[in-house]
Protein backbone atom coordinates (compact mmCIF):
# COMPACT_ATOMS: atom_id res chain seq x y z
CA UNK A 1 152.33 55.73 150.79
CA UNK A 2 149.47 56.58 148.37
CA UNK A 3 150.51 58.24 145.13
CA UNK A 4 148.32 60.93 143.47
CA UNK A 5 148.38 61.67 139.77
CA UNK A 6 147.24 64.90 137.96
CA UNK A 7 145.63 65.34 134.53
CA UNK A 8 146.10 68.79 133.10
CA UNK A 9 144.34 70.72 130.38
CA UNK A 10 146.02 74.03 129.40
CA UNK A 11 144.09 76.92 127.72
CA UNK A 12 144.75 80.43 126.68
CA UNK A 13 143.11 82.73 129.18
CA UNK A 14 144.58 86.01 127.86
CA UNK A 15 143.67 87.86 124.67
CA UNK A 16 142.80 85.33 122.00
CA UNK A 17 144.06 87.54 119.11
CA UNK A 18 147.60 87.07 120.25
CA UNK A 19 147.46 83.20 120.19
CA UNK A 20 146.02 83.27 116.64
CA UNK A 21 149.18 84.91 115.28
CA UNK A 22 151.43 82.22 116.67
CA UNK A 23 152.69 79.71 114.03
CA UNK A 24 151.41 76.15 114.57
CA UNK A 25 154.94 74.67 114.76
CA UNK A 26 155.69 76.87 117.73
CA UNK A 27 152.34 76.51 119.30
CA UNK A 28 152.56 72.65 119.47
CA UNK A 29 156.03 72.43 120.75
CA UNK A 30 155.32 73.05 124.40
CA UNK A 31 153.26 75.18 126.80
CA UNK A 32 152.46 78.69 125.51
CA UNK A 33 154.03 81.58 127.28
CA UNK A 34 152.11 83.26 130.12
CA UNK A 35 149.18 80.72 129.97
CA UNK A 36 147.29 79.83 133.07
CA UNK A 37 147.15 76.09 134.00
CA UNK A 38 143.85 74.55 135.01
CA UNK A 39 144.46 71.34 137.14
CA UNK A 40 142.12 68.35 137.26
CA UNK A 41 142.98 65.75 139.78
CA UNK A 42 141.71 62.38 141.08
CA UNK A 43 142.50 60.62 144.28
CA UNK A 44 144.02 57.31 142.91
CA UNK A 45 143.78 54.80 140.16
CA UNK A 46 140.92 53.09 141.89
CA UNK A 47 138.95 56.33 141.36
CA UNK A 48 138.74 55.40 137.66
CA UNK A 49 135.86 52.95 138.57
CA UNK A 50 133.76 55.64 140.19
CA UNK A 51 131.02 57.18 138.02
CA UNK A 52 130.81 60.39 140.03
CA UNK A 53 133.60 62.93 139.59
CA UNK A 54 134.64 65.59 142.10
CA UNK A 55 135.60 68.30 139.74
CA UNK A 56 134.04 70.86 137.31
CA UNK A 57 135.63 72.57 134.37
CA UNK A 58 135.07 76.22 133.51
CA UNK A 59 134.04 76.98 129.96
CA UNK A 60 136.56 78.32 127.45
CA UNK A 61 136.19 80.62 124.45
CA UNK A 62 137.27 80.57 120.79
CA UNK A 63 136.75 83.54 118.51
CA UNK A 64 134.33 82.75 115.63
CA UNK A 65 135.22 83.37 112.06
CA UNK A 66 138.97 82.93 112.54
CA UNK A 67 140.81 84.02 109.34
CA UNK A 68 144.29 82.87 110.07
CA UNK A 69 146.29 80.61 107.71
CA UNK A 70 146.98 78.12 110.48
CA UNK A 71 144.73 76.02 112.72
CA UNK A 72 143.35 78.00 115.72
CA UNK A 73 144.94 76.87 118.91
CA UNK A 74 142.57 75.76 121.64
CA UNK A 75 144.73 74.38 124.54
CA UNK A 76 147.01 71.57 125.72
CA UNK A 77 146.16 68.36 127.40
CA UNK A 78 148.93 67.05 129.75
CA UNK A 79 149.10 64.18 132.35
CA UNK A 80 151.62 64.25 135.26
CA UNK A 81 152.32 60.60 134.25
CA UNK A 82 153.59 61.73 130.93
CA UNK A 83 157.35 61.15 131.14
CA UNK A 84 157.95 62.29 127.64
CA UNK A 85 158.86 58.76 126.49
CA UNK A 86 155.82 58.38 124.14
CA UNK A 87 154.12 55.80 126.31
CA UNK A 88 150.96 57.89 126.67
CA UNK A 89 148.45 58.77 123.99
CA UNK A 90 146.02 61.66 124.16
CA UNK A 91 142.52 61.40 122.65
CA UNK A 92 139.40 63.56 122.21
CA UNK A 93 135.78 62.73 121.84
CA UNK A 94 132.48 64.70 121.75
CA UNK A 95 131.14 67.45 119.50
CA UNK A 96 133.33 67.91 116.47
CA UNK A 97 136.17 65.71 117.76
CA UNK A 98 138.36 64.47 114.95
CA UNK A 99 136.75 66.89 112.43
CA UNK A 100 136.50 70.37 113.90
CA UNK A 101 138.78 69.70 116.81
CA UNK A 102 141.95 67.62 116.59
CA UNK A 103 144.53 66.60 119.21
CA UNK A 104 148.18 65.79 118.74
CA UNK A 105 148.07 62.37 120.38
CA UNK A 106 151.85 62.83 121.42
CA UNK A 107 151.88 66.37 122.78
CA UNK A 108 148.19 66.86 123.79
CA UNK A 109 147.87 70.09 121.77
CA UNK A 110 144.27 70.82 120.69
CA UNK A 111 143.43 72.82 117.60
CA UNK A 112 140.40 73.95 115.66
CA UNK A 113 140.67 73.02 111.96
CA UNK A 114 137.88 75.16 110.54
CA UNK A 115 136.32 78.58 110.90
CA UNK A 116 133.56 78.38 113.44
CA UNK A 117 130.30 80.21 113.22
CA UNK A 118 128.59 81.03 116.57
CA UNK A 119 125.30 81.47 114.75
CA UNK A 120 125.52 77.88 113.49
CA UNK A 121 126.61 76.31 116.82
CA UNK A 122 127.59 78.35 119.84
CA UNK A 123 128.79 75.62 122.28
CA UNK A 124 130.85 72.36 121.83
CA UNK A 125 131.19 69.86 124.59
CA UNK A 126 134.36 67.67 124.49
CA UNK A 127 135.87 64.95 126.52
CA UNK A 128 139.69 64.51 126.92
CA UNK A 129 141.53 61.35 127.98
CA UNK A 130 145.09 60.04 128.36
CA UNK A 131 145.56 56.27 127.77
CA UNK A 132 148.57 53.95 127.90
CA UNK A 133 149.69 53.50 124.35
CA UNK A 134 150.70 49.83 124.98
CA UNK A 135 147.75 48.61 126.96
CA UNK A 136 145.06 50.98 125.67
CA UNK A 137 143.88 51.62 129.32
CA UNK A 138 143.22 55.00 130.65
CA UNK A 139 145.69 56.54 133.08
CA UNK A 140 143.40 59.35 134.14
CA UNK A 141 139.61 59.73 134.37
CA UNK A 142 137.90 61.16 131.26
CA UNK A 143 137.46 64.93 131.58
CA UNK A 144 134.65 66.89 130.06
CA UNK A 145 135.07 70.55 129.13
CA UNK A 146 133.07 73.18 127.19
CA UNK A 147 134.24 75.41 124.42
CA UNK A 148 131.96 78.35 123.74
CA UNK A 149 132.41 80.33 120.58
CA UNK A 150 133.13 83.86 121.19
CA UNK A 151 130.88 86.17 119.13
CA UNK A 152 132.14 88.76 116.71
CA UNK A 153 129.98 91.26 114.98
CA UNK A 154 129.58 89.52 111.62
CA UNK A 155 125.79 89.89 111.15
CA UNK A 156 124.10 93.05 110.05
CA UNK A 157 120.59 93.76 111.35
CA UNK A 158 117.85 92.32 109.14
CA UNK A 159 114.44 93.85 108.91
CA UNK A 160 111.37 91.53 109.12
CA UNK A 161 110.14 93.12 105.82
CA UNK A 162 111.99 94.64 102.84
CA UNK A 163 109.12 97.07 102.37
CA UNK A 164 106.54 98.20 104.91
CA UNK A 165 103.30 99.94 103.96
CA UNK A 166 101.30 102.14 106.24
CA UNK A 167 98.67 104.91 106.17
CA UNK A 168 97.50 107.66 108.48
CA UNK A 169 94.84 110.43 108.18
CA UNK A 170 96.03 113.68 106.82
CA UNK A 171 96.26 116.61 109.25
CA UNK A 172 97.28 114.24 112.13
CA UNK A 173 98.83 115.61 115.13
CA UNK A 174 102.56 115.56 115.66
CA UNK A 175 103.58 112.32 117.29
CA UNK A 176 100.86 110.19 115.74
CA UNK A 177 101.81 106.56 115.57
CA UNK A 178 102.42 105.37 111.90
CA UNK A 179 103.95 101.91 112.13
CA UNK A 180 106.60 100.00 113.94
CA UNK A 181 109.51 98.43 112.05
CA UNK A 182 111.61 95.71 113.53
CA UNK A 183 115.16 94.42 112.81
CA UNK A 184 116.84 91.40 114.30
CA UNK A 185 120.58 90.76 114.64
CA UNK A 186 121.78 87.10 114.66
CA UNK A 187 124.81 88.00 116.81
CA UNK A 188 125.00 87.17 120.53
CA UNK A 189 122.76 89.51 122.53
CA UNK A 190 124.44 88.62 125.75
CA UNK A 191 127.89 89.60 124.65
CA UNK A 192 128.86 93.23 124.02
CA UNK A 193 126.74 95.42 121.66
CA UNK A 194 127.00 93.25 118.51
CA UNK A 195 123.23 92.68 118.60
CA UNK A 196 122.11 96.00 120.13
CA UNK A 197 120.14 97.66 117.34
CA UNK A 198 119.50 101.38 117.03
CA UNK A 199 117.09 102.81 114.54
CA UNK A 200 117.51 106.09 112.59
CA UNK A 201 115.83 107.71 109.69
CA UNK A 202 117.73 108.24 106.45
CA UNK A 203 114.95 109.58 104.39
CA UNK A 204 111.60 111.07 105.30
CA UNK A 205 112.50 114.12 107.43
CA UNK A 206 111.05 116.50 108.44
CA UNK A 207 107.86 114.69 108.01
CA UNK A 208 108.44 111.67 110.10
CA UNK A 209 110.69 110.50 112.96
CA UNK A 210 111.56 107.12 114.40
CA UNK A 211 112.18 106.08 117.97
CA UNK A 212 115.82 104.85 118.16
CA UNK A 213 115.14 101.92 120.41
CA UNK A 214 111.66 100.69 119.44
CA UNK A 215 111.59 101.41 115.64
CA UNK A 216 108.16 103.21 116.10
CA UNK A 217 107.64 105.76 113.25
CA UNK A 218 105.69 108.76 114.20
CA UNK A 219 104.55 111.99 112.44
CA UNK A 220 106.89 114.91 112.92
CA UNK A 221 105.30 117.71 111.00
CA UNK A 222 101.91 119.50 111.67
CA UNK A 223 99.15 119.83 109.15
CA UNK A 224 100.39 117.43 106.44
CA UNK A 225 97.77 117.91 103.70
CA UNK A 226 96.84 115.05 101.45
CA UNK A 227 95.69 117.47 98.71
CA UNK A 228 99.29 118.86 98.59
CA UNK A 229 101.10 115.39 98.84
CA UNK A 230 99.62 112.02 99.30
CA UNK A 231 102.66 109.59 99.20
CA UNK A 232 105.83 109.47 101.30
CA UNK A 233 108.75 107.14 101.04
CA UNK A 234 110.67 106.74 104.27
CA UNK A 235 113.99 104.89 104.59
CA UNK A 236 114.90 103.58 108.05
CA UNK A 237 118.31 102.30 109.04
CA UNK A 238 118.92 99.71 111.80
CA UNK A 239 122.51 99.78 113.05
CA UNK A 240 124.11 97.34 115.56
CA UNK A 241 126.88 98.12 118.14
CA UNK A 242 124.41 100.55 119.65
CA UNK A 243 124.72 102.74 116.58
CA UNK A 244 128.43 103.24 117.22
CA UNK A 245 131.03 103.81 114.57
CA UNK A 246 131.96 100.60 112.78
CA UNK A 247 128.65 98.92 113.44
CA UNK A 248 126.86 96.96 110.65
CA UNK A 249 123.55 98.19 109.33
CA UNK A 250 120.54 97.31 107.20
CA UNK A 251 117.79 99.39 105.85
CA UNK A 252 114.07 99.17 104.92
CA UNK A 253 111.62 101.26 102.94
CA UNK A 254 108.29 102.42 104.40
CA UNK A 255 105.66 103.70 101.97
CA UNK A 256 103.35 105.92 103.90
CA UNK A 257 100.01 107.08 102.40
CA UNK A 258 98.00 110.05 103.78
CA UNK A 259 94.22 109.18 103.80
CA UNK A 260 91.63 111.74 103.28
CA UNK A 261 89.68 113.64 105.88
CA UNK A 262 87.03 116.26 105.14
CA UNK A 263 89.11 119.35 105.49
CA UNK A 264 87.97 121.01 102.30
CA UNK A 265 84.57 122.63 101.81
CA UNK A 266 82.80 122.46 98.39
CA UNK A 267 83.25 125.62 96.30
CA UNK A 268 81.48 126.71 93.11
CA UNK A 269 84.01 127.79 90.46
CA UNK A 270 81.70 130.69 89.46
CA UNK A 271 79.19 132.82 91.19
CA UNK A 272 76.36 132.78 88.57
CA UNK A 273 75.21 130.17 86.18
CA UNK A 274 72.84 130.78 83.20
CA UNK A 275 70.59 128.30 81.37
CA UNK A 276 67.81 128.35 78.82
CA UNK A 277 64.76 126.21 78.73
CA UNK A 278 62.07 126.14 76.05
CA UNK A 279 58.65 126.69 77.38
CA UNK A 280 57.73 123.32 75.93
CA UNK A 281 60.10 121.55 78.33
CA UNK A 282 58.12 118.66 79.86
CA UNK A 283 58.13 118.32 83.72
CA UNK A 284 60.95 116.27 85.23
CA UNK A 285 63.20 117.19 82.30
CA UNK A 286 66.74 118.48 82.99
CA UNK A 287 67.57 122.09 82.39
CA UNK A 288 71.22 122.11 83.17
CA UNK A 289 73.97 120.90 85.51
CA UNK A 290 76.14 122.74 87.96
CA UNK A 291 79.04 121.38 90.10
CA UNK A 292 80.80 122.54 93.25
CA UNK A 293 84.41 121.43 93.41
CA UNK A 294 85.74 119.53 96.44
CA UNK A 295 89.32 118.62 96.85
CA UNK A 296 88.56 115.74 99.09
CA UNK A 297 87.72 112.17 97.88
CA UNK A 298 85.14 109.52 98.41
CA UNK A 299 82.42 110.24 101.00
CA UNK A 300 84.26 113.42 102.09
CA UNK A 301 83.57 114.91 98.72
CA UNK A 302 79.91 113.87 98.60
CA UNK A 303 77.66 116.91 98.02
CA UNK A 304 73.95 117.54 98.45
CA UNK A 305 72.45 120.41 96.32
CA UNK A 306 69.23 122.41 97.21
CA UNK A 307 67.34 125.52 96.11
CA UNK A 308 67.16 127.85 99.08
CA UNK A 309 65.78 131.02 97.60
CA UNK A 310 64.32 132.44 94.40
CA UNK A 311 61.19 133.18 92.32
CA UNK A 312 61.21 129.73 90.85
CA UNK A 313 61.41 127.74 94.08
CA UNK A 314 58.29 125.77 93.23
CA UNK A 315 58.87 125.65 89.47
CA UNK A 316 62.35 124.06 89.45
CA UNK A 317 64.03 121.28 91.53
CA UNK A 318 67.57 120.12 91.87
CA UNK A 319 69.01 116.60 92.57
CA UNK A 320 72.51 115.21 93.03
CA UNK A 321 74.21 112.87 90.46
CA UNK A 322 75.87 110.36 92.78
CA UNK A 323 78.47 109.46 90.16
CA UNK A 324 79.62 112.87 89.19
CA UNK A 325 78.51 114.85 92.23
CA UNK A 326 76.81 117.36 89.97
CA UNK A 327 73.65 119.23 90.70
CA UNK A 328 70.92 118.45 88.10
CA UNK A 329 68.34 121.27 87.75
CA UNK A 330 64.93 119.99 86.56
CA UNK A 331 61.61 121.46 85.62
CA UNK A 332 58.80 120.64 88.21
CA UNK A 333 55.93 122.57 86.48
CA UNK A 334 55.01 123.53 82.89
CA UNK A 335 56.76 126.71 81.72
CA UNK A 336 54.97 129.53 80.05
CA UNK A 337 57.03 132.16 78.20
CA UNK A 338 54.12 134.50 77.96
CA UNK A 339 53.53 134.32 81.67
CA UNK A 340 57.08 134.47 82.91
CA UNK A 341 60.28 134.21 80.99
CA UNK A 342 63.02 134.59 83.60
CA UNK A 343 63.73 132.78 86.89
CA UNK A 344 66.49 133.55 89.37
CA UNK A 345 67.30 130.82 91.92
CA UNK A 346 69.86 130.56 94.75
CA UNK A 347 71.41 127.05 94.92
CA UNK A 348 73.44 125.75 97.76
CA UNK A 349 75.91 122.88 97.81
CA UNK A 350 76.68 121.22 101.17
CA UNK A 351 78.98 118.36 102.24
CA UNK A 352 76.96 115.37 103.56
CA UNK A 353 79.76 114.08 105.95
CA UNK A 354 81.25 116.97 107.95
CA UNK A 355 84.09 116.45 110.33
CA UNK A 356 83.67 118.65 113.48
CA UNK A 357 87.41 118.92 113.88
CA UNK A 358 87.72 121.18 110.84
CA UNK A 359 84.66 123.39 111.21
CA UNK A 360 87.09 126.17 112.06
CA UNK A 361 88.08 126.21 108.40
CA UNK A 362 84.69 127.68 107.55
CA UNK A 363 81.23 126.50 106.53
CA UNK A 364 81.26 123.36 104.60
CA UNK A 365 78.88 124.70 102.00
CA UNK A 366 78.69 127.25 99.20
CA UNK A 367 76.03 128.97 97.16
CA UNK A 368 75.61 130.27 93.65
CA UNK A 369 72.95 132.06 91.56
CA UNK A 370 71.25 130.32 88.77
CA UNK A 371 69.39 132.29 86.00
CA UNK A 372 67.02 130.30 83.88
CA UNK A 373 65.70 132.05 80.67
CA UNK A 374 62.46 130.63 79.33
CA UNK A 375 62.49 130.51 75.58
CA UNK A 376 59.39 131.22 73.53
CA UNK A 377 58.14 128.36 71.39
CA UNK A 378 55.85 129.03 68.33
CA UNK A 379 52.70 127.49 69.65
CA UNK A 380 49.69 126.76 67.46
CA UNK A 381 46.47 128.79 67.72
CA UNK A 382 44.26 127.77 70.55
CA UNK A 383 40.41 127.60 70.07
CA UNK A 384 38.22 129.33 72.51
CA UNK A 385 36.49 125.94 73.25
CA UNK A 386 37.73 122.45 72.82
CA UNK A 387 34.45 121.48 71.05
CA UNK A 388 31.61 123.23 69.42
CA UNK A 389 27.92 122.05 69.07
CA UNK A 390 25.81 123.66 66.39
CA UNK A 391 22.16 123.01 65.47
CA UNK A 392 20.81 123.48 62.01
CA UNK A 393 17.44 122.84 60.35
CA UNK A 394 17.51 120.39 57.44
CA UNK A 395 15.72 122.73 55.10
CA UNK A 396 18.12 125.77 55.41
CA UNK A 397 19.31 127.17 52.16
CA UNK A 398 22.74 126.37 50.78
CA UNK A 399 25.36 128.84 52.02
CA UNK A 400 23.53 129.48 55.21
CA UNK A 401 25.81 130.28 58.25
CA UNK A 402 25.25 127.75 60.93
CA UNK A 403 27.88 128.92 63.51
CA UNK A 404 31.34 130.44 64.04
CA UNK A 405 34.60 129.16 65.76
CA UNK A 406 37.35 131.39 67.03
CA UNK A 407 41.06 130.73 67.71
CA UNK A 408 43.91 132.95 68.78
CA UNK A 409 47.76 132.72 68.55
CA UNK A 410 48.90 132.32 72.27
CA UNK A 411 52.41 133.68 71.44
CA UNK A 412 53.39 137.25 72.11
CA UNK A 413 53.36 138.03 68.34
CA UNK A 414 49.57 137.43 68.16
CA UNK A 415 49.73 136.48 64.50
CA UNK A 416 46.34 136.37 62.56
CA UNK A 417 44.72 133.05 62.13
CA UNK A 418 43.16 131.35 59.12
CA UNK A 419 40.64 128.56 59.20
CA UNK A 420 40.00 125.57 57.15
CA UNK A 421 37.86 122.28 57.20
CA UNK A 422 39.72 118.99 57.49
CA UNK A 423 38.30 117.23 54.41
CA UNK A 424 39.06 113.80 55.87
CA UNK A 425 36.09 114.51 58.22
CA UNK A 426 33.85 116.01 55.48
CA UNK A 427 34.52 113.91 52.41
CA UNK A 428 31.16 115.06 50.77
CA UNK A 429 32.04 118.74 51.22
CA UNK A 430 28.72 119.49 52.87
CA UNK A 431 30.20 122.28 54.92
CA UNK A 432 32.59 125.09 54.30
CA UNK A 433 34.29 127.77 56.45
CA UNK A 434 35.25 131.39 55.99
CA UNK A 435 39.06 131.33 56.37
CA UNK A 436 39.10 134.81 57.78
CA UNK A 437 36.47 134.92 60.51
CA UNK A 438 35.72 131.17 61.21
CA UNK A 439 32.07 131.18 60.19
CA UNK A 440 30.80 127.83 59.04
CA UNK A 441 28.16 127.56 56.32
CA UNK A 442 26.50 124.85 54.24
CA UNK A 443 27.49 124.06 50.74
CA UNK A 444 24.97 121.35 50.13
CA UNK A 445 21.36 120.54 51.15
CA UNK A 446 20.98 118.72 54.47
CA UNK A 447 18.66 115.76 55.02
CA UNK A 448 17.94 114.69 58.56
CA UNK A 449 16.57 111.27 57.56
CA UNK A 450 19.74 110.47 55.72
CA UNK A 451 22.29 111.71 58.41
CA UNK A 452 21.37 113.09 61.78
CA UNK A 453 24.91 114.12 63.00
CA UNK A 454 27.85 115.61 61.21
CA UNK A 455 31.28 115.66 62.96
CA UNK A 456 33.79 117.83 61.28
CA UNK A 457 37.20 119.07 62.29
CA UNK A 458 38.32 122.68 61.85
CA UNK A 459 41.98 123.59 61.53
CA UNK A 460 43.36 127.00 62.74
CA UNK A 461 46.76 128.04 61.43
CA UNK A 462 48.88 131.12 62.02
CA UNK A 463 49.40 133.50 59.12
CA UNK A 464 53.05 134.48 59.35
């Protein structure tokens, strides 16, 4: 008759928390109450020489992060050849054998000696064997089994960044994508909800919202205006356990900046500007500056100025200072107080980059009136001709009048004029002039053979 032997490994298959509370002295004294027995059997002793086995073990679970004071009980190894006389010895080998997992070589009780972390190592593969203590030979085939560490929720969600930075255009539609935040949980995603993350917004409402499953942040308020508020700080929470009570959580900060769009037209702060310009102002010289205010920035605040109407359209011009966005009014032609002393211009300021989406806000231009008063300058008398040529005979008597020059004050005052000879041009004082009427006469005899031409300069000055 052929005899069959059985090699048993016993494990808790019920609630693991109950076994953890059992003192070690009681756990190792025999089979635990109500445990299920898993049987591994071979055909005969001759089967020990076969490399292929005809059985398969299920995997078993231990709770990670066990906090009890005693070792955590795993299971019990038992052979049907164990008569209780101490002739058999139970041994373990494989992952963590002798360190993390120990076996009572007499009773076959297996225990875990340390707290196990699933995130560090989730699965252990061990081999159990019973040998004859006297001969050292195995009495059963070596049996392999798997211990899988049962996950607990001991890891809070962690965001990929502590701080996110994002920007969106102001006045964006509700539901505009801002940025996606991502949090990961090191717990087991295949077991329970320990790693199921749900996003929520703790700070940043009512301006922004977050999709609970994706972490996508969107705008939630219409017509957010950069000119009213540019920076927003949003705090997002990621909570595991599907967001249920008792779940662990982590947070991240999202700094959101509203970027500018051209939603503000330029506006002159006053309707009328007044400047004064001396009539002596050279062409291309500046007369004054005006500026239309624009609440936008950068290219959206760029302004182009032009003169659209006025009686000085061809006398004055205007250009834009690219640095200050001011309009510089300049003189294009010479001014003449006596001819015209007041000019009235209409100046227009227009945005150079207009966004069609915001045309409903009104025309992106504005106009103002510019009054330019020409100031009189005391101008010197002006001769009727730039040069005079006079002929005289060499034998004329002294004090003979040889010709007359005339000059007038061009100013409105029309002050009288007095005349004099520039003695640097008549060192010998050959000629003289009547200071009142400008008649030139000889004061010495003339000699054609000595000097044919005389060039003299006459000065006309106002009598004030």
